[in-house]
Protein backbone atom coordinates (compact mmCIF):
# COMPACT_ATOMS: atom_id res chain seq x y z
CA MET A 1 -3.60 11.92 1.60
CA LYS A 2 -5.52 8.99 2.91
CA GLN A 3 -5.58 6.07 0.52
CA LYS A 4 -8.59 3.78 0.51
CA PHE A 5 -8.61 0.26 -0.74
CA ALA A 6 -11.71 -1.88 -0.90
CA ILE A 7 -10.63 -5.46 -1.17
CA THR A 8 -13.46 -7.90 -1.70
CA ILE A 9 -12.57 -11.53 -1.31
CA LEU A 10 -14.32 -14.14 -3.31
CA SER A 11 -13.70 -17.64 -1.90
CA LEU A 12 -13.73 -20.87 -3.68
CA SER A 13 -13.56 -24.52 -2.98
CA LEU A 14 -13.93 -27.91 -4.50
CA PHE A 15 -17.47 -27.71 -3.12
CA CYS A 16 -18.44 -24.32 -4.48
CA PHE A 17 -21.41 -23.41 -2.37
CA GLY A 18 -22.97 -20.01 -2.03
CA ALA A 19 -22.89 -18.28 1.30
CA LEU A 20 -24.76 -15.32 2.60
CA ALA A 21 -22.69 -12.24 3.24
CA GLN A 22 -21.54 -12.13 6.82
CA THR A 23 -19.65 -9.63 8.88
CA LYS A 24 -16.89 -10.58 11.25
CA THR A 25 -15.51 -7.93 13.51
CA ASN A 26 -12.61 -7.76 15.86
CA GLY A 27 -13.23 -5.38 18.69
CA GLY A 28 -15.52 -3.26 16.53
CA ASP A 29 -13.19 -3.36 13.51
CA SER A 30 -15.38 -3.91 10.45
CA SER A 31 -12.56 -3.52 7.90
CA PHE A 32 -12.97 -7.16 6.90
CA VAL A 33 -16.42 -8.39 5.93
CA LEU A 34 -16.73 -12.09 5.22
CA ILE A 35 -18.49 -12.76 1.92
CA LYS A 36 -18.06 -16.46 1.29
CA THR A 37 -16.50 -19.55 2.78
CA TYR A 38 -15.46 -22.68 0.90
CA THR A 39 -13.99 -25.97 2.06
CA GLY A 40 -12.07 -28.65 0.23
CA ASP A 41 -8.59 -29.69 -0.89
CA ILE A 42 -6.80 -26.36 -1.34
CA ALA A 43 -3.08 -26.25 -2.02
CA ASP A 44 -3.11 -22.79 -3.59
CA ALA A 45 -5.46 -20.20 -5.05
CA VAL A 46 -5.25 -17.16 -7.33
CA MET A 47 -7.71 -14.59 -8.67
CA ASP A 48 -7.69 -12.62 -11.92
CA ASN A 49 -8.84 -9.05 -12.54
CA LEU A 50 -12.32 -10.25 -13.55
CA ASP A 51 -12.75 -11.85 -10.12
CA ASN A 52 -12.46 -15.36 -11.51
CA LEU A 53 -11.01 -17.62 -8.85
CA TYR A 54 -8.67 -20.54 -9.56
CA LEU A 55 -8.40 -23.29 -6.97
CA ILE A 56 -5.39 -25.61 -7.13
CA SER A 57 -5.68 -28.94 -5.34
CA SER A 58 -2.83 -30.86 -3.74
CA GLY A 59 -2.78 -33.09 -6.82
CA GLY A 60 -2.37 -30.14 -9.18
CA GLN A 61 -5.92 -30.02 -10.49
CA ILE A 62 -7.15 -26.48 -11.27
CA ARG A 63 -10.78 -25.44 -11.01
CA LYS A 64 -11.96 -22.07 -12.26
CA TYR A 65 -14.94 -20.29 -10.71
CA ASN A 66 -16.50 -17.12 -12.04
CA ALA A 67 -17.37 -14.06 -9.96
CA ASN A 68 -20.72 -15.61 -9.04
CA GLY A 69 -19.03 -18.72 -7.67
CA ASP A 70 -20.05 -20.99 -10.55
CA SER A 71 -17.60 -23.67 -11.65
CA VAL A 72 -16.79 -22.89 -15.29
CA ALA A 73 -13.67 -24.90 -16.15
CA ILE A 74 -11.26 -27.56 -14.93
CA TYR A 75 -7.67 -28.47 -15.80
CA ASN A 76 -6.82 -32.11 -15.18
CA GLN A 77 -3.46 -32.68 -16.88
CA THR A 78 -1.72 -33.03 -13.56
CA ARG A 79 0.84 -35.73 -14.32
CA ASN A 80 2.53 -34.29 -17.38
CA PHE A 81 5.07 -31.92 -15.85
CA GLY A 82 5.34 -32.63 -12.13
CA LYS A 83 4.35 -30.19 -9.40
CA LEU A 84 2.89 -26.83 -10.38
CA PHE A 85 5.21 -24.05 -9.18
CA SER A 86 3.14 -20.98 -10.06
CA ILE A 87 0.15 -19.77 -12.05
CA ASP A 88 -0.16 -16.32 -13.62
CA VAL A 89 -3.69 -15.15 -14.46
CA THR A 90 -2.81 -11.56 -15.35
CA ASN A 91 -4.55 -12.21 -18.67
CA PRO A 92 -7.77 -14.12 -17.87
CA LEU A 93 -7.90 -15.31 -21.48
CA GLN A 94 -4.45 -16.90 -21.26
CA PRO A 95 -3.51 -18.38 -17.86
CA LEU A 96 0.15 -19.35 -17.63
CA LEU A 97 1.34 -22.38 -15.67
CA PHE A 98 4.98 -22.77 -14.65
CA TYR A 99 6.40 -26.20 -13.83
CA LYS A 100 9.81 -25.26 -12.48
CA ASP A 101 11.16 -28.78 -11.98
CA PHE A 102 10.60 -29.52 -15.67
CA SER A 103 11.50 -25.99 -16.88
CA THR A 104 8.18 -25.96 -18.69
CA VAL A 105 5.57 -23.27 -19.33
CA VAL A 106 2.01 -24.22 -20.28
CA LEU A 107 -0.40 -21.69 -21.78
CA LEU A 108 -4.14 -22.32 -21.41
CA ASP A 109 -7.22 -20.69 -22.87
CA ARG A 110 -10.04 -19.22 -20.79
CA PHE A 111 -11.66 -22.66 -20.49
CA LEU A 112 -8.37 -24.09 -19.15
CA ALA A 113 -7.73 -26.09 -22.29
CA ASN A 114 -4.08 -26.53 -23.22
CA ARG A 115 -3.04 -24.10 -25.98
CA THR A 116 0.67 -24.85 -26.03
CA SER A 117 3.58 -25.93 -23.86
CA ILE A 118 7.16 -24.69 -23.98
CA ASP A 119 10.18 -26.67 -22.81
CA LEU A 120 12.40 -23.71 -21.92
CA ARG A 121 15.58 -25.81 -22.00
CA ARG A 122 15.09 -26.37 -25.73
CA PHE A 123 15.47 -22.62 -26.15
CA ASN A 124 18.61 -22.31 -24.06
CA ILE A 125 16.85 -21.13 -20.90
CA LEU A 126 18.56 -23.57 -18.60
CA GLN A 127 17.56 -22.51 -15.08
CA PRO A 128 14.25 -20.60 -15.09
CA ALA A 129 13.43 -19.24 -11.65
CA ALA A 130 10.29 -17.20 -12.31
CA VAL A 131 7.97 -16.49 -15.23
CA GLY A 132 5.15 -14.07 -15.95
CA ILE A 133 2.86 -12.88 -18.73
CA SER A 134 3.93 -9.64 -20.45
CA TYR A 135 1.57 -6.83 -21.44
CA ASP A 136 1.72 -7.98 -25.08
CA ASN A 137 0.95 -11.62 -24.15
CA ASN A 138 4.51 -12.80 -24.51
CA ILE A 139 6.39 -14.37 -21.60
CA TRP A 140 8.95 -12.97 -19.19
CA VAL A 141 11.47 -15.46 -17.80
CA TYR A 142 14.24 -14.91 -15.28
CA ASP A 143 17.07 -17.36 -16.03
CA GLU A 144 19.38 -17.98 -13.07
CA TRP A 145 21.84 -19.77 -15.33
CA ASP A 146 23.10 -16.52 -16.85
CA ASN A 147 21.27 -14.11 -14.49
CA LYS A 148 19.23 -12.45 -17.22
CA LEU A 149 15.63 -11.34 -17.64
CA LYS A 150 14.37 -12.59 -20.99
CA LYS A 151 11.22 -12.21 -23.04
CA ILE A 152 10.10 -15.01 -25.35
CA ASN A 153 7.03 -15.61 -27.48
CA GLU A 154 4.80 -18.66 -27.21
CA SER A 155 6.95 -20.42 -29.80
CA GLY A 156 9.93 -20.07 -27.46
CA ASN A 157 11.77 -17.55 -29.64
CA LEU A 158 13.86 -14.98 -27.78
CA LEU A 159 12.56 -11.43 -28.19
CA LEU A 160 14.62 -9.58 -25.58
CA SER A 161 17.40 -10.22 -23.09
CA THR A 162 18.98 -7.98 -20.46
CA VAL A 163 22.60 -7.80 -19.41
CA ASP A 164 23.91 -10.25 -16.84
CA PHE A 165 22.57 -8.92 -13.54
CA ARG A 166 25.79 -9.89 -11.79
CA THR A 167 27.49 -7.05 -13.65
CA ALA A 168 24.67 -4.58 -12.93
CA PHE A 169 23.92 -5.14 -9.24
CA ASN A 170 25.98 -5.51 -6.11
CA GLU A 171 23.51 -7.98 -4.64
CA PRO A 172 21.96 -11.17 -6.00
CA VAL A 173 18.63 -10.93 -7.81
CA ARG A 174 16.56 -14.07 -7.24
CA PRO A 175 12.91 -13.24 -7.96
CA GLN A 176 10.10 -15.57 -6.99
CA LYS A 177 7.56 -13.62 -9.04
CA ILE A 178 7.47 -11.48 -12.19
CA ILE A 179 4.65 -8.95 -12.60
CA ASP A 180 4.05 -6.85 -15.73
CA ASN A 181 1.84 -3.86 -14.95
CA ASN A 182 1.31 -0.41 -16.41
CA THR A 183 4.42 -0.37 -18.68
CA LEU A 184 6.72 -1.65 -15.92
CA VAL A 185 8.08 -5.09 -15.05
CA TYR A 186 8.54 -6.00 -11.39
CA LEU A 187 10.96 -8.72 -10.31
CA ALA A 188 9.85 -9.46 -6.76
CA ASP A 189 12.29 -11.09 -4.33
CA THR A 190 10.93 -11.52 -0.81
CA ALA A 191 14.48 -11.44 0.62
CA THR A 192 15.91 -8.34 -1.09
CA GLY A 193 13.01 -6.30 -2.50
CA VAL A 194 11.36 -5.52 -5.82
CA PHE A 195 13.51 -4.62 -8.85
CA VAL A 196 11.65 -2.52 -11.41
CA PHE A 197 12.37 -2.44 -15.16
CA ASP A 198 10.67 -0.93 -18.19
CA ASN A 199 9.27 -3.06 -20.99
CA TYR A 200 12.64 -3.03 -22.75
CA GLY A 201 14.45 -4.50 -19.76
CA THR A 202 16.06 -1.25 -18.64
CA TYR A 203 16.49 -1.01 -14.88
CA LYS A 204 14.51 1.81 -13.25
CA LYS A 205 14.61 1.46 -9.47
CA LYS A 206 14.35 -0.81 -6.46
CA ILE A 207 11.41 -0.84 -4.03
CA PRO A 208 11.98 -2.00 -0.43
CA ALA A 209 9.12 -4.51 -0.28
CA LYS A 210 10.40 -7.57 1.57
CA ASN A 211 9.26 -10.50 3.69
CA TRP A 212 6.02 -11.00 1.82
CA GLN A 213 4.03 -14.18 1.34
CA SER A 214 2.16 -12.73 -1.63
CA ILE A 215 2.58 -9.60 -3.68
CA ALA A 216 0.51 -7.82 -6.34
CA VAL A 217 0.86 -4.61 -8.34
CA LYS A 218 -1.91 -2.28 -9.46
CA ASP A 219 -0.89 0.97 -11.13
CA ASN A 220 1.17 2.89 -8.54
CA TYR A 221 0.51 0.54 -5.66
CA ILE A 222 2.27 -2.58 -4.45
CA ILE A 223 0.03 -4.69 -2.24
CA SER A 224 1.73 -7.36 -0.13
CA THR A 225 0.68 -9.73 2.61
CA ASN A 226 2.36 -11.84 5.25
CA SER A 227 1.04 -13.91 8.14
CA THR A 228 0.24 -10.88 10.30
CA SER A 229 -0.44 -7.87 8.09
CA ILE A 230 -1.38 -6.40 4.73
CA GLY A 231 0.67 -3.53 3.31
CA VAL A 232 0.20 -0.99 0.55
CA TYR A 233 3.23 0.83 -0.86
CA ASN A 234 2.69 3.91 -3.04
CA THR A 235 5.49 4.01 -5.61
CA GLN A 236 4.86 7.70 -6.30
CA THR A 237 4.73 9.08 -2.75
CA PHE A 238 6.84 6.30 -1.17
CA MET A 239 4.19 6.01 1.55
CA ASP A 240 4.17 2.53 3.09
CA THR A 241 0.94 1.77 4.96
CA LYS A 242 0.37 -1.42 6.93
CA LYS A 243 -2.64 -2.82 8.69
CA MET A 244 -2.59 -5.76 11.07
CA LEU A 245 -4.83 -8.67 10.21
CA PRO A 246 -7.68 -9.28 12.67
CA GLY A 247 -7.01 -11.55 15.60
CA TYR A 248 -9.58 -14.08 14.41
CA PHE A 249 -7.43 -14.83 11.36
CA GLU A 250 -5.52 -17.98 12.16
CA PRO A 251 -1.74 -17.35 11.88
CA ALA A 252 -1.30 -20.60 9.94
CA LEU A 253 -3.54 -19.40 7.13
CA ARG A 254 -2.03 -17.97 3.94
CA SER A 255 -3.40 -14.93 2.22
CA PHE A 256 -3.16 -12.92 -0.96
CA SER A 257 -4.71 -9.78 -2.34
CA THR A 258 -5.51 -8.21 -5.67
CA ALA A 259 -6.41 -4.59 -6.22
CA THR A 260 -9.99 -5.33 -5.18
CA ARG A 261 -9.94 -8.66 -3.31
CA PHE A 262 -8.42 -10.26 -0.22
CA VAL A 263 -8.35 -14.04 0.24
CA ASN A 264 -7.29 -15.99 3.33
CA PHE A 265 -7.00 -19.77 3.15
CA SER A 266 -5.61 -22.97 4.62
CA ASN A 267 -5.35 -26.45 3.13
CA ALA A 268 -8.99 -27.15 3.93
CA SER A 269 -10.88 -23.86 3.84
CA LEU A 270 -10.87 -20.52 2.07
CA TYR A 271 -12.43 -17.21 3.11
CA ILE A 272 -13.20 -14.17 0.98
CA TYR A 273 -13.65 -10.74 2.50
CA THR A 274 -14.51 -7.29 1.46
CA TYR A 275 -11.74 -5.15 2.79
CA ARG A 276 -11.37 -1.49 3.61
CA PHE A 277 -7.91 -0.09 4.34
């Protein structure tokens, strides 16, 4: 059964300017349709499920743009916790910032104001490797110190902890990303694959999604990108479909996708496309 994915990319930049929809083709391939282009200081970018775009500068500043491209919020507390390691916008009302070097999680509100910060070391999480928002707005943390997946609340209190993964798996589990979606928790390791758990921390299965630059989960689909292709893995049918990126995409550019968007960017420019698989 042919699966169709329309991925519309909404681009942002420090100079958020509107652009007329354009179509770029590669030898007649109209799968990617350029919607907007932005330029500026871009170290990273993410998008939430409401199509809000978050642009992270090289200095750690975060700017939030709505689906229309309007700048709606800014986060400027860039010197408090060192370099930003990751940002999780699964819940648009509660973005989560992870400062790995300081073992600190910062929770913001929808206007990017600081709600609270958690020094994970104070709560005996000594080597956090990845964090993510849970479905109930608590926080998943993978602690490499004792090789356990843990859930804490925003006060830092431990709600759940798994067994030591060294006793459960014959291979190391070192996730770079934690995704909570549709009653399942995905620990994504670009080197070994995606380990799937239920919301109680019980191991379910492993999915062979490797060598990704970015990865997202929507219902039964895992969407991943690398420098040359975008892939969609159906966790129900086990069908793994890949499509090569057009030749006009510069290999040096990074990319990511959501269930409905595809974004390609470098340190100076960002492009948003509609996308048809």
